[in-house]
Amino acid sequence: MGIRVARRSAITLATAGALASSGTLYLGVRNLLAEQADFARQTIPRACEIPPRADGVYVAGDTSVQRFQRGMDVDVHLMIFGDSTATGYGCLQAAEVPGALIARALAERTGKRVRLSTKAIVGATSRGLSGQVDAMFVAGPPPDAAVIMIGANDVTALNGITGSAQRLRAAVKRLRCSGAVVVVGTCPDFAAVSAIPQPLRWVAHTRARQLARAQTQAVDAAGGVAVPFADLRAPEFHDAPELLFAQDQYHPSAAGYALAASQVIPPLCAALGEADSRAVASSD
């Protein structure tokens, strides 16, 4: 994450012309898609900034984040993998990124000390997941829990759906074999991304839905837990884009990331076998 990574143009679906080469789309439609992809590239800025770093140790009742040092006692090690969504690209403060929100909530709900480590990289596709998992093994012992958010860049880069899902399955399987519980936020919906004009947006939406379904099957097969972002939160992003999208109208805003993180936290706690200590206390 210390390297500035320029995201490939938000919509490489200019290659949506490739869809037309199958003979199912007319030349005029292909040209229209290419023109719209060029427009989208000009409208959506490249992702070149480094998201705020939120790594550290989170403790219930403590608003500060402790810097992790070797030998420090922690109860749960949480690691984040994936793309710009996983890094919280566009957030202005470390406390707003998904990893921080999830780690903070996990600490507050369980009363445990939670270490957060981030391996996600802006611009990553499923092709980069193996490298992120490799980096985890190089850095030290595997985590207790892993959260993966991936898929949008596979859609815009026109990576094959089957191959993308298989690469995700391989990453989840490696993490599960290392002893980590794994929760995956599947490919988000593109239907509410107004920066992408129609009908190009429909093409992206259709491919994203197909990929999300394939990802869910792959994650289930590998022993992970899939969280269908498109099914759970697409209506909110469609109804309140000015609130849930960042200024580039492509990445989520801080409020959008908070919404996504809120979908990951319950299944993560369940996968870890952790009860909500607040609920237990209130019932006593």
C-alpha atoms as a PDB file:
ATOM      1  CA  MET A   1       0.000   0.000   0.000  1.00  0.00           C
ATOM      2  CA  GLY A   2       3.004   2.292   0.142  1.00  0.00           C
ATOM      3  CA  ILE A   3       3.006   2.539  -3.651  1.00  0.00           C
ATOM      4  CA  ARG A   4       0.766   4.972  -5.537  1.00  0.00           C
ATOM      5  CA  VAL A   5      -1.319   2.793  -7.817  1.00  0.00           C
ATOM      6  CA  ALA A   6      -3.252   4.423 -10.641  1.00  0.00           C
ATOM      7  CA  ARG A   7      -6.492   2.532 -11.137  1.00  0.00           C
ATOM      8  CA  ARG A   8      -7.004   1.436 -14.695  1.00  0.00           C
ATOM      9  CA  SER A   9      -9.554   3.697 -16.255  1.00  0.00           C
ATOM     10  CA  ALA A  10     -12.757   3.227 -14.309  1.00  0.00           C
ATOM     11  CA  ILE A  11     -14.417   1.748 -17.332  1.00  0.00           C
ATOM     12  CA  THR A  12     -12.200  -0.294 -19.552  1.00  0.00           C
ATOM     13  CA  LEU A  13     -15.545  -1.382 -20.876  1.00  0.00           C
ATOM     14  CA  ALA A  14     -14.550   0.561 -23.937  1.00  0.00           C
ATOM     15  CA  THR A  15     -13.532  -2.875 -24.689  1.00  0.00           C
ATOM     16  CA  ALA A  16     -17.234  -3.378 -24.524  1.00  0.00           C
ATOM     17  CA  GLY A  17     -16.631  -3.272 -28.217  1.00  0.00           C
ATOM     18  CA  ALA A  18     -15.340  -6.757 -27.596  1.00  0.00           C
ATOM     19  CA  LEU A  19     -18.831  -7.773 -26.613  1.00  0.00           C
ATOM     20  CA  ALA A  20     -20.006  -6.682 -30.011  1.00  0.00           C
ATOM     21  CA  SER A  21     -17.460  -8.855 -31.775  1.00  0.00           C
ATOM     22  CA  SER A  22     -19.620 -11.849 -30.950  1.00  0.00           C
ATOM     23  CA  GLY A  23     -21.951 -10.714 -33.707  1.00  0.00           C
ATOM     24  CA  THR A  24     -24.868 -10.237 -31.304  1.00  0.00           C
ATOM     25  CA  LEU A  25     -24.537  -6.458 -31.277  1.00  0.00           C
ATOM     26  CA  TYR A  26     -24.636  -4.183 -34.278  1.00  0.00           C
ATOM     27  CA  LEU A  27     -21.696  -2.014 -35.258  1.00  0.00           C
ATOM     28  CA  GLY A  28     -23.575   1.120 -34.248  1.00  0.00           C
ATOM     29  CA  VAL A  29     -24.147  -0.207 -30.719  1.00  0.00           C
ATOM     30  CA  ARG A  30     -20.493  -1.173 -30.441  1.00  0.00           C
ATOM     31  CA  ASN A  31     -19.445   2.323 -31.446  1.00  0.00           C
ATOM     32  CA  LEU A  32     -21.873   3.830 -28.953  1.00  0.00           C
ATOM     33  CA  LEU A  33     -20.459   1.722 -26.125  1.00  0.00           C
ATOM     34  CA  ALA A  34     -16.927   2.729 -27.063  1.00  0.00           C
ATOM     35  CA  GLU A  35     -17.896   6.409 -27.092  1.00  0.00           C
ATOM     36  CA  GLN A  36     -19.581   6.081 -23.700  1.00  0.00           C
ATOM     37  CA  ALA A  37     -16.553   4.310 -22.254  1.00  0.00           C
ATOM     38  CA  ASP A  38     -14.364   7.199 -23.405  1.00  0.00           C
ATOM     39  CA  PHE A  39     -16.787   9.605 -21.724  1.00  0.00           C
ATOM     40  CA  ALA A  40     -16.699   7.604 -18.492  1.00  0.00           C
ATOM     41  CA  ARG A  41     -12.897   7.592 -18.499  1.00  0.00           C
ATOM     42  CA  GLN A  42     -12.877  11.379 -18.789  1.00  0.00           C
ATOM     43  CA  THR A  43     -15.546  11.805 -16.116  1.00  0.00           C
ATOM     44  CA  ILE A  44     -14.220   9.453 -13.432  1.00  0.00           C
ATOM     45  CA  PRO A  45     -10.776  10.500 -12.115  1.00  0.00           C
ATOM     46  CA  ARG A  46      -8.006   7.942 -11.805  1.00  0.00           C
ATOM     47  CA  ALA A  47      -7.523   6.554  -8.314  1.00  0.00           C
ATOM     48  CA  CYS A  48      -3.996   7.701  -7.527  1.00  0.00           C
ATOM     49  CA  GLU A  49      -4.191   8.842  -3.921  1.00  0.00           C
ATOM     50  CA  ILE A  50      -3.228   6.618  -1.017  1.00  0.00           C
ATOM     51  CA  PRO A  51      -6.175   5.915   1.329  1.00  0.00           C
ATOM     52  CA  PRO A  52      -5.731   6.704   5.035  1.00  0.00           C
ATOM     53  CA  ARG A  53      -3.928   3.988   6.978  1.00  0.00           C
ATOM     54  CA  ALA A  54      -6.036   2.531   9.756  1.00  0.00           C
ATOM     55  CA  ASP A  55      -3.883  -0.427  10.822  1.00  0.00           C
ATOM     56  CA  GLY A  56      -3.307  -0.910  14.518  1.00  0.00           C
ATOM     57  CA  VAL A  57      -4.949  -2.302  17.644  1.00  0.00           C
ATOM     58  CA  TYR A  58      -8.557  -1.448  18.482  1.00  0.00           C
ATOM     59  CA  VAL A  59      -9.808  -1.680  22.064  1.00  0.00           C
ATOM     60  CA  ALA A  60     -13.385  -1.335  23.294  1.00  0.00           C
ATOM     61  CA  GLY A  61     -14.039   2.037  24.867  1.00  0.00           C
ATOM     62  CA  ASP A  62     -10.836   3.568  23.496  1.00  0.00           C
ATOM     63  CA  THR A  63     -11.239   5.957  20.563  1.00  0.00           C
ATOM     64  CA  SER A  64      -7.517   5.960  19.816  1.00  0.00           C
ATOM     65  CA  VAL A  65      -5.770   3.280  17.759  1.00  0.00           C
ATOM     66  CA  GLN A  66      -2.675   1.732  19.256  1.00  0.00           C
ATOM     67  CA  ARG A  67       0.269   1.074  16.999  1.00  0.00           C
ATOM     68  CA  PHE A  68       0.939  -2.644  16.853  1.00  0.00           C
ATOM     69  CA  GLN A  69       4.350  -3.777  18.027  1.00  0.00           C
ATOM     70  CA  ARG A  70       5.763  -7.270  17.901  1.00  0.00           C
ATOM     71  CA  GLY A  71       4.890  -9.143  21.086  1.00  0.00           C
ATOM     72  CA  MET A  72       1.817  -7.015  21.790  1.00  0.00           C
ATOM     73  CA  ASP A  73      -1.097  -9.023  23.178  1.00  0.00           C
ATOM     74  CA  VAL A  74      -4.187  -9.136  20.923  1.00  0.00           C
ATOM     75  CA  ASP A  75      -7.212 -11.415  20.903  1.00  0.00           C
ATOM     76  CA  VAL A  76      -8.221 -11.257  17.242  1.00  0.00           C
ATOM     77  CA  HIS A  77      -6.126 -10.443  14.187  1.00  0.00           C
ATOM     78  CA  LEU A  78      -8.286  -9.101  11.345  1.00  0.00           C
ATOM     79  CA  MET A  79      -6.852  -8.724   7.838  1.00  0.00           C
ATOM     80  CA  ILE A  80      -8.412  -6.896   4.878  1.00  0.00           C
ATOM     81  CA  PHE A  81      -7.857  -7.992   1.268  1.00  0.00           C
ATOM     82  CA  GLY A  82      -9.180  -6.709  -2.042  1.00  0.00           C
ATOM     83  CA  ASP A  83      -9.449  -3.530  -4.080  1.00  0.00           C
ATOM     84  CA  SER A  84     -10.085   0.190  -3.545  1.00  0.00           C
ATOM     85  CA  THR A  85     -13.363  -0.554  -1.766  1.00  0.00           C
ATOM     86  CA  ALA A  86     -11.481  -2.614   0.792  1.00  0.00           C
ATOM     87  CA  THR A  87      -8.918   0.160   1.295  1.00  0.00           C
ATOM     88  CA  GLY A  88     -11.575   2.826   1.727  1.00  0.00           C
ATOM     89  CA  TYR A  89     -10.364   4.872  -1.229  1.00  0.00           C
ATOM     90  CA  GLY A  90     -11.831   8.370  -1.067  1.00  0.00           C
ATOM     91  CA  CYS A  91     -12.104   8.511   2.727  1.00  0.00           C
ATOM     92  CA  LEU A  92     -10.441  11.502   4.367  1.00  0.00           C
ATOM     93  CA  GLN A  93      -9.882   9.982   7.799  1.00  0.00           C
ATOM     94  CA  ALA A  94      -8.565   6.605   8.906  1.00  0.00           C
ATOM     95  CA  ALA A  95     -11.606   6.052  11.116  1.00  0.00           C
ATOM     96  CA  GLU A  96     -13.845   6.081   8.012  1.00  0.00           C
ATOM     97  CA  VAL A  97     -12.271   3.197   6.069  1.00  0.00           C
ATOM     98  CA  PRO A  98     -14.057  -0.176   6.141  1.00  0.00           C
ATOM     99  CA  GLY A  99     -11.262  -1.984   7.968  1.00  0.00           C
ATOM    100  CA  ALA A 100     -11.342   0.523  10.803  1.00  0.00           C
ATOM    101  CA  LEU A 101     -15.132   0.395  11.030  1.00  0.00           C
ATOM    102  CA  ILE A 102     -15.135  -3.396  11.129  1.00  0.00           C
ATOM    103  CA  ALA A 103     -12.267  -3.647  13.632  1.00  0.00           C
ATOM    104  CA  ARG A 104     -13.827  -1.003  15.885  1.00  0.00           C
ATOM    105  CA  ALA A 105     -17.225  -2.702  15.812  1.00  0.00           C
ATOM    106  CA  LEU A 106     -15.677  -6.110  16.485  1.00  0.00           C
ATOM    107  CA  ALA A 107     -13.794  -4.738  19.490  1.00  0.00           C
ATOM    108  CA  GLU A 108     -16.853  -2.977  20.875  1.00  0.00           C
ATOM    109  CA  ARG A 109     -19.168  -5.945  20.371  1.00  0.00           C
ATOM    110  CA  THR A 110     -16.849  -8.565  21.847  1.00  0.00           C
ATOM    111  CA  GLY A 111     -14.758  -6.575  24.314  1.00  0.00           C
ATOM    112  CA  LYS A 112     -11.631  -8.046  22.716  1.00  0.00           C
ATOM    113  CA  ARG A 113      -8.439  -6.418  21.488  1.00  0.00           C
ATOM    114  CA  VAL A 114      -8.531  -6.467  17.692  1.00  0.00           C
ATOM    115  CA  ARG A 115      -5.505  -5.972  15.476  1.00  0.00           C
ATOM    116  CA  LEU A 116      -6.210  -4.645  11.979  1.00  0.00           C
ATOM    117  CA  SER A 117      -3.836  -5.274   9.062  1.00  0.00           C
ATOM    118  CA  THR A 118      -4.565  -4.198   5.490  1.00  0.00           C
ATOM    119  CA  LYS A 119      -3.242  -5.993   2.402  1.00  0.00           C
ATOM    120  CA  ALA A 120      -5.819  -4.609  -0.050  1.00  0.00           C
ATOM    121  CA  ILE A 121      -4.524  -2.517  -2.951  1.00  0.00           C
ATOM    122  CA  VAL A 122      -6.262   0.216  -4.939  1.00  0.00           C
ATOM    123  CA  GLY A 123      -6.975  -1.007  -8.458  1.00  0.00           C
ATOM    124  CA  ALA A 124      -6.645  -4.695  -7.638  1.00  0.00           C
ATOM    125  CA  THR A 125      -8.610  -7.362  -9.461  1.00  0.00           C
ATOM    126  CA  SER A 126      -8.994 -11.010  -8.515  1.00  0.00           C
ATOM    127  CA  ARG A 127      -5.672 -11.577 -10.289  1.00  0.00           C
ATOM    128  CA  GLY A 128      -3.959  -9.727  -7.461  1.00  0.00           C
ATOM    129  CA  LEU A 129      -5.489 -11.687  -4.598  1.00  0.00           C
ATOM    130  CA  SER A 130      -2.862 -14.419  -4.658  1.00  0.00           C
ATOM    131  CA  GLY A 131      -0.133 -11.807  -4.274  1.00  0.00           C
ATOM    132  CA  GLN A 132      -1.928 -10.219  -1.334  1.00  0.00           C
ATOM    133  CA  VAL A 133      -2.232 -13.610   0.361  1.00  0.00           C
ATOM    134  CA  ASP A 134       1.446 -14.281  -0.377  1.00  0.00           C
ATOM    135  CA  ALA A 135       2.295 -10.971   1.308  1.00  0.00           C
ATOM    136  CA  MET A 136       0.320 -12.077   4.354  1.00  0.00           C
ATOM    137  CA  PHE A 137       2.392 -15.239   4.746  1.00  0.00           C
ATOM    138  CA  VAL A 138       5.625 -13.274   4.312  1.00  0.00           C
ATOM    139  CA  ALA A 139       4.624 -10.694   6.922  1.00  0.00           C
ATOM    140  CA  GLY A 140       3.921 -13.183   9.691  1.00  0.00           C
ATOM    141  CA  PRO A 141       1.382 -15.655  11.059  1.00  0.00           C
ATOM    142  CA  PRO A 142      -2.003 -15.765   9.299  1.00  0.00           C
ATOM    143  CA  PRO A 143      -4.888 -13.781  10.786  1.00  0.00           C
ATOM    144  CA  ASP A 144      -7.816 -15.117  12.746  1.00  0.00           C
ATOM    145  CA  ALA A 145     -10.243 -13.443  10.341  1.00  0.00           C
ATOM    146  CA  ALA A 146     -10.073 -12.151   6.790  1.00  0.00           C
ATOM    147  CA  VAL A 147     -12.431  -9.814   4.941  1.00  0.00           C
ATOM    148  CA  ILE A 148     -12.215  -9.621   1.155  1.00  0.00           C
ATOM    149  CA  MET A 149     -13.918  -7.001  -1.031  1.00  0.00           C
ATOM    150  CA  ILE A 150     -13.280  -7.589  -4.731  1.00  0.00           C
ATOM    151  CA  GLY A 151     -14.972  -7.641  -8.117  1.00  0.00           C
ATOM    152  CA  ALA A 152     -15.637  -4.168  -9.499  1.00  0.00           C
ATOM    153  CA  ASN A 153     -12.304  -3.952 -11.305  1.00  0.00           C
ATOM    154  CA  ASP A 154     -12.790  -7.424 -12.752  1.00  0.00           C
ATOM    155  CA  VAL A 155     -15.969  -6.092 -14.350  1.00  0.00           C
ATOM    156  CA  THR A 156     -14.424  -2.921 -15.755  1.00  0.00           C
ATOM    157  CA  ALA A 157     -11.349  -4.800 -16.998  1.00  0.00           C
ATOM    158  CA  LEU A 158     -13.603  -7.394 -18.652  1.00  0.00           C
ATOM    159  CA  ASN A 159     -11.891 -10.247 -16.844  1.00  0.00           C
ATOM    160  CA  GLY A 160     -13.692 -13.530 -17.396  1.00  0.00           C
ATOM    161  CA  ILE A 161     -16.379 -14.245 -14.830  1.00  0.00           C
ATOM    162  CA  THR A 162     -15.457 -17.895 -14.349  1.00  0.00           C
ATOM    163  CA  GLY A 163     -11.756 -17.143 -13.994  1.00  0.00           C
ATOM    164  CA  SER A 164     -12.373 -14.274 -11.571  1.00  0.00           C
ATOM    165  CA  ALA A 165     -14.558 -16.462  -9.377  1.00  0.00           C
ATOM    166  CA  GLN A 166     -12.036 -19.297  -9.447  1.00  0.00           C
ATOM    167  CA  ARG A 167      -9.223 -16.967  -8.366  1.00  0.00           C
ATOM    168  CA  LEU A 168     -11.368 -15.754  -5.493  1.00  0.00           C
ATOM    169  CA  ARG A 169     -12.121 -19.328  -4.505  1.00  0.00           C
ATOM    170  CA  ALA A 170      -8.397 -20.129  -4.455  1.00  0.00           C
ATOM    171  CA  ALA A 171      -7.663 -17.172  -2.196  1.00  0.00           C
ATOM    172  CA  VAL A 172     -10.485 -18.042   0.199  1.00  0.00           C
ATOM    173  CA  LYS A 173      -9.362 -21.666   0.308  1.00  0.00           C
ATOM    174  CA  ARG A 174      -5.778 -20.683   1.157  1.00  0.00           C
ATOM    175  CA  LEU A 175      -6.978 -18.433   3.955  1.00  0.00           C
ATOM    176  CA  ARG A 176      -9.351 -21.079   5.304  1.00  0.00           C
ATOM    177  CA  CYS A 177      -6.579 -23.690   5.231  1.00  0.00           C
ATOM    178  CA  SER A 178      -4.442 -21.301   7.288  1.00  0.00           C
ATOM    179  CA  GLY A 179      -7.132 -21.299   9.962  1.00  0.00           C
ATOM    180  CA  ALA A 180      -8.771 -17.938   9.239  1.00  0.00           C
ATOM    181  CA  VAL A 181     -12.499 -17.381   8.959  1.00  0.00           C
ATOM    182  CA  VAL A 182     -13.253 -15.558   5.714  1.00  0.00           C
ATOM    183  CA  VAL A 183     -16.050 -13.138   4.847  1.00  0.00           C
ATOM    184  CA  VAL A 184     -16.295 -11.830   1.275  1.00  0.00           C
ATOM    185  CA  GLY A 185     -18.182  -8.782   0.100  1.00  0.00           C
ATOM    186  CA  THR A 186     -19.107  -9.767  -3.453  1.00  0.00           C
ATOM    187  CA  CYS A 187     -19.086  -7.496  -6.496  1.00  0.00           C
ATOM    188  CA  PRO A 188     -21.159  -4.340  -6.002  1.00  0.00           C
ATOM    189  CA  ASP A 189     -23.899  -3.239  -8.363  1.00  0.00           C
ATOM    190  CA  PHE A 190     -23.218  -0.676 -11.101  1.00  0.00           C
ATOM    191  CA  ALA A 191     -26.834   0.325 -11.666  1.00  0.00           C
ATOM    192  CA  ALA A 192     -26.557   3.454  -9.511  1.00  0.00           C
ATOM    193  CA  VAL A 193     -23.214   4.697 -10.900  1.00  0.00           C
ATOM    194  CA  SER A 194     -24.482   7.744 -12.778  1.00  0.00           C
ATOM    195  CA  ALA A 195     -20.986   8.582 -14.045  1.00  0.00           C
ATOM    196  CA  ILE A 196     -21.399   5.654 -16.441  1.00  0.00           C
ATOM    197  CA  PRO A 197     -23.955   6.485 -19.142  1.00  0.00           C
ATOM    198  CA  GLN A 198     -26.566   4.110 -20.499  1.00  0.00           C
ATOM    199  CA  PRO A 199     -26.475   1.581 -22.105  1.00  0.00           C
ATOM    200  CA  LEU A 200     -22.888   1.038 -20.955  1.00  0.00           C
ATOM    201  CA  ARG A 201     -24.100   1.102 -17.356  1.00  0.00           C
ATOM    202  CA  TRP A 202     -26.506  -1.718 -18.137  1.00  0.00           C
ATOM    203  CA  VAL A 203     -23.638  -3.786 -19.561  1.00  0.00           C
ATOM    204  CA  ALA A 204     -21.577  -3.203 -16.406  1.00  0.00           C
ATOM    205  CA  HIS A 205     -24.599  -3.922 -14.201  1.00  0.00           C
ATOM    206  CA  THR A 206     -25.294  -7.202 -15.976  1.00  0.00           C
ATOM    207  CA  ARG A 207     -21.694  -8.417 -15.752  1.00  0.00           C
ATOM    208  CA  ALA A 208     -21.459  -7.358 -12.088  1.00  0.00           C
ATOM    209  CA  ARG A 209     -24.551  -9.363 -11.213  1.00  0.00           C
ATOM    210  CA  GLN A 210     -23.214 -12.408 -13.033  1.00  0.00           C
ATOM    211  CA  LEU A 211     -19.866 -12.107 -11.261  1.00  0.00           C
ATOM    212  CA  ALA A 212     -21.496 -11.668  -7.842  1.00  0.00           C
ATOM    213  CA  ARG A 213     -23.462 -14.893  -8.301  1.00  0.00           C
ATOM    214  CA  ALA A 214     -20.357 -16.771  -9.399  1.00  0.00           C
ATOM    215  CA  GLN A 215     -18.398 -15.333  -6.470  1.00  0.00           C
ATOM    216  CA  THR A 216     -21.029 -16.476  -3.983  1.00  0.00           C
ATOM    217  CA  GLN A 217     -20.821 -20.031  -5.280  1.00  0.00           C
ATOM    218  CA  ALA A 218     -17.014 -19.931  -5.186  1.00  0.00           C
ATOM    219  CA  VAL A 219     -16.866 -18.559  -1.645  1.00  0.00           C
ATOM    220  CA  ASP A 220     -19.380 -21.117  -0.370  1.00  0.00           C
ATOM    221  CA  ALA A 221     -17.415 -23.942  -1.992  1.00  0.00           C
ATOM    222  CA  ALA A 222     -14.189 -22.753  -0.341  1.00  0.00           C
ATOM    223  CA  GLY A 223     -15.722 -22.553   3.126  1.00  0.00           C
ATOM    224  CA  GLY A 224     -16.105 -18.789   3.358  1.00  0.00           C
ATOM    225  CA  VAL A 225     -19.134 -16.570   3.964  1.00  0.00           C
ATOM    226  CA  ALA A 226     -20.398 -14.420   1.079  1.00  0.00           C
ATOM    227  CA  VAL A 227     -22.085 -11.070   1.709  1.00  0.00           C
ATOM    228  CA  PRO A 228     -24.039  -9.973  -1.411  1.00  0.00           C
ATOM    229  CA  PHE A 229     -23.424  -6.232  -1.475  1.00  0.00           C
ATOM    230  CA  ALA A 230     -25.492  -5.758  -4.634  1.00  0.00           C
ATOM    231  CA  ASP A 231     -28.547  -7.464  -3.161  1.00  0.00           C
ATOM    232  CA  LEU A 232     -28.340  -5.843   0.264  1.00  0.00           C
ATOM    233  CA  ARG A 233     -27.455  -2.233  -0.410  1.00  0.00           C
ATOM    234  CA  ALA A 234     -28.082  -1.401  -4.072  1.00  0.00           C
ATOM    235  CA  PRO A 235     -31.455   0.304  -3.312  1.00  0.00           C
ATOM    236  CA  GLU A 236     -29.862   2.733  -0.842  1.00  0.00           C
ATOM    237  CA  PHE A 237     -27.125   3.721  -3.309  1.00  0.00           C
ATOM    238  CA  HIS A 238     -29.759   4.216  -5.986  1.00  0.00           C
ATOM    239  CA  ASP A 239     -32.025   6.318  -3.755  1.00  0.00           C
ATOM    240  CA  ALA A 240     -29.342   8.502  -2.141  1.00  0.00           C
ATOM    241  CA  PRO A 241     -26.335   8.702  -4.502  1.00  0.00           C
ATOM    242  CA  GLU A 242     -25.450  12.206  -3.326  1.00  0.00           C
ATOM    243  CA  LEU A 243     -24.934  10.825   0.192  1.00  0.00           C
ATOM    244  CA  LEU A 244     -23.433   7.405  -0.470  1.00  0.00           C
ATOM    245  CA  PHE A 245     -21.097   8.145  -3.392  1.00  0.00           C
ATOM    246  CA  ALA A 246     -17.867  10.145  -3.187  1.00  0.00           C
ATOM    247  CA  GLN A 247     -17.217  13.187  -5.366  1.00  0.00           C
ATOM    248  CA  ASP A 248     -16.049  11.013  -8.256  1.00  0.00           C
ATOM    249  CA  GLN A 249     -19.533   9.407  -8.295  1.00  0.00           C
ATOM    250  CA  TYR A 250     -17.858   6.013  -8.571  1.00  0.00           C
ATOM    251  CA  HIS A 251     -16.352   5.097  -5.206  1.00  0.00           C
ATOM    252  CA  PRO A 252     -18.461   5.108  -2.024  1.00  0.00           C
ATOM    253  CA  SER A 253     -18.381   8.060   0.341  1.00  0.00           C
ATOM    254  CA  ALA A 254     -17.626   7.644   4.043  1.00  0.00           C
ATOM    255  CA  ALA A 255     -21.350   7.007   4.555  1.00  0.00           C
ATOM    256  CA  GLY A 256     -21.319   4.448   1.732  1.00  0.00           C
ATOM    257  CA  TYR A 257     -18.388   2.603   3.262  1.00  0.00           C
ATOM    258  CA  ALA A 258     -20.126   2.601   6.639  1.00  0.00           C
ATOM    259  CA  LEU A 259     -23.153   1.004   5.005  1.00  0.00           C
ATOM    260  CA  ALA A 260     -20.996  -1.698   3.398  1.00  0.00           C
ATOM    261  CA  ALA A 261     -19.103  -2.374   6.627  1.00  0.00           C
ATOM    262  CA  SER A 262     -22.370  -2.760   8.524  1.00  0.00           C
ATOM    263  CA  GLN A 263     -23.219  -5.715   6.280  1.00  0.00           C
ATOM    264  CA  VAL A 264     -19.916  -7.459   6.992  1.00  0.00           C
ATOM    265  CA  ILE A 265     -19.843  -7.118  10.781  1.00  0.00           C
ATOM    266  CA  PRO A 266     -22.686  -9.517  11.804  1.00  0.00           C
ATOM    267  CA  PRO A 267     -21.564 -12.464   9.636  1.00  0.00           C
ATOM    268  CA  LEU A 268     -17.956 -11.874  10.717  1.00  0.00           C
ATOM    269  CA  CYS A 269     -18.912 -12.036  14.390  1.00  0.00           C
ATOM    270  CA  ALA A 270     -20.955 -15.161  13.711  1.00  0.00           C
ATOM    271  CA  ALA A 271     -18.101 -16.816  11.821  1.00  0.00           C
ATOM    272  CA  LEU A 272     -15.761 -16.093  14.719  1.00  0.00           C
ATOM    273  CA  GLY A 273     -18.303 -17.468  17.156  1.00  0.00           C
ATOM    274  CA  GLU A 274     -18.386 -14.155  18.972  1.00  0.00           C
ATOM    275  CA  ALA A 275     -21.533 -13.006  20.766  1.00  0.00           C
ATOM    276  CA  ASP A 276     -22.319  -9.322  21.129  1.00  0.00           C
ATOM    277  CA  SER A 277     -21.145  -8.538  24.684  1.00  0.00           C
ATOM    278  CA  ARG A 278     -23.417  -5.490  24.777  1.00  0.00           C
ATOM    279  CA  ALA A 279     -26.495  -7.647  24.181  1.00  0.00           C
ATOM    280  CA  VAL A 280     -25.341 -10.128  26.826  1.00  0.00           C
ATOM    281  CA  ALA A 281     -24.791  -7.332  29.349  1.00  0.00           C
ATOM    282  CA  SER A 282     -28.216  -5.818  28.704  1.00  0.00           C
ATOM    283  CA  SER A 283     -29.918  -9.163  29.297  1.00  0.00           C
ATOM    284  CA  ASP A 284     -28.314  -9.710  32.709  1.00  0.00           C
END
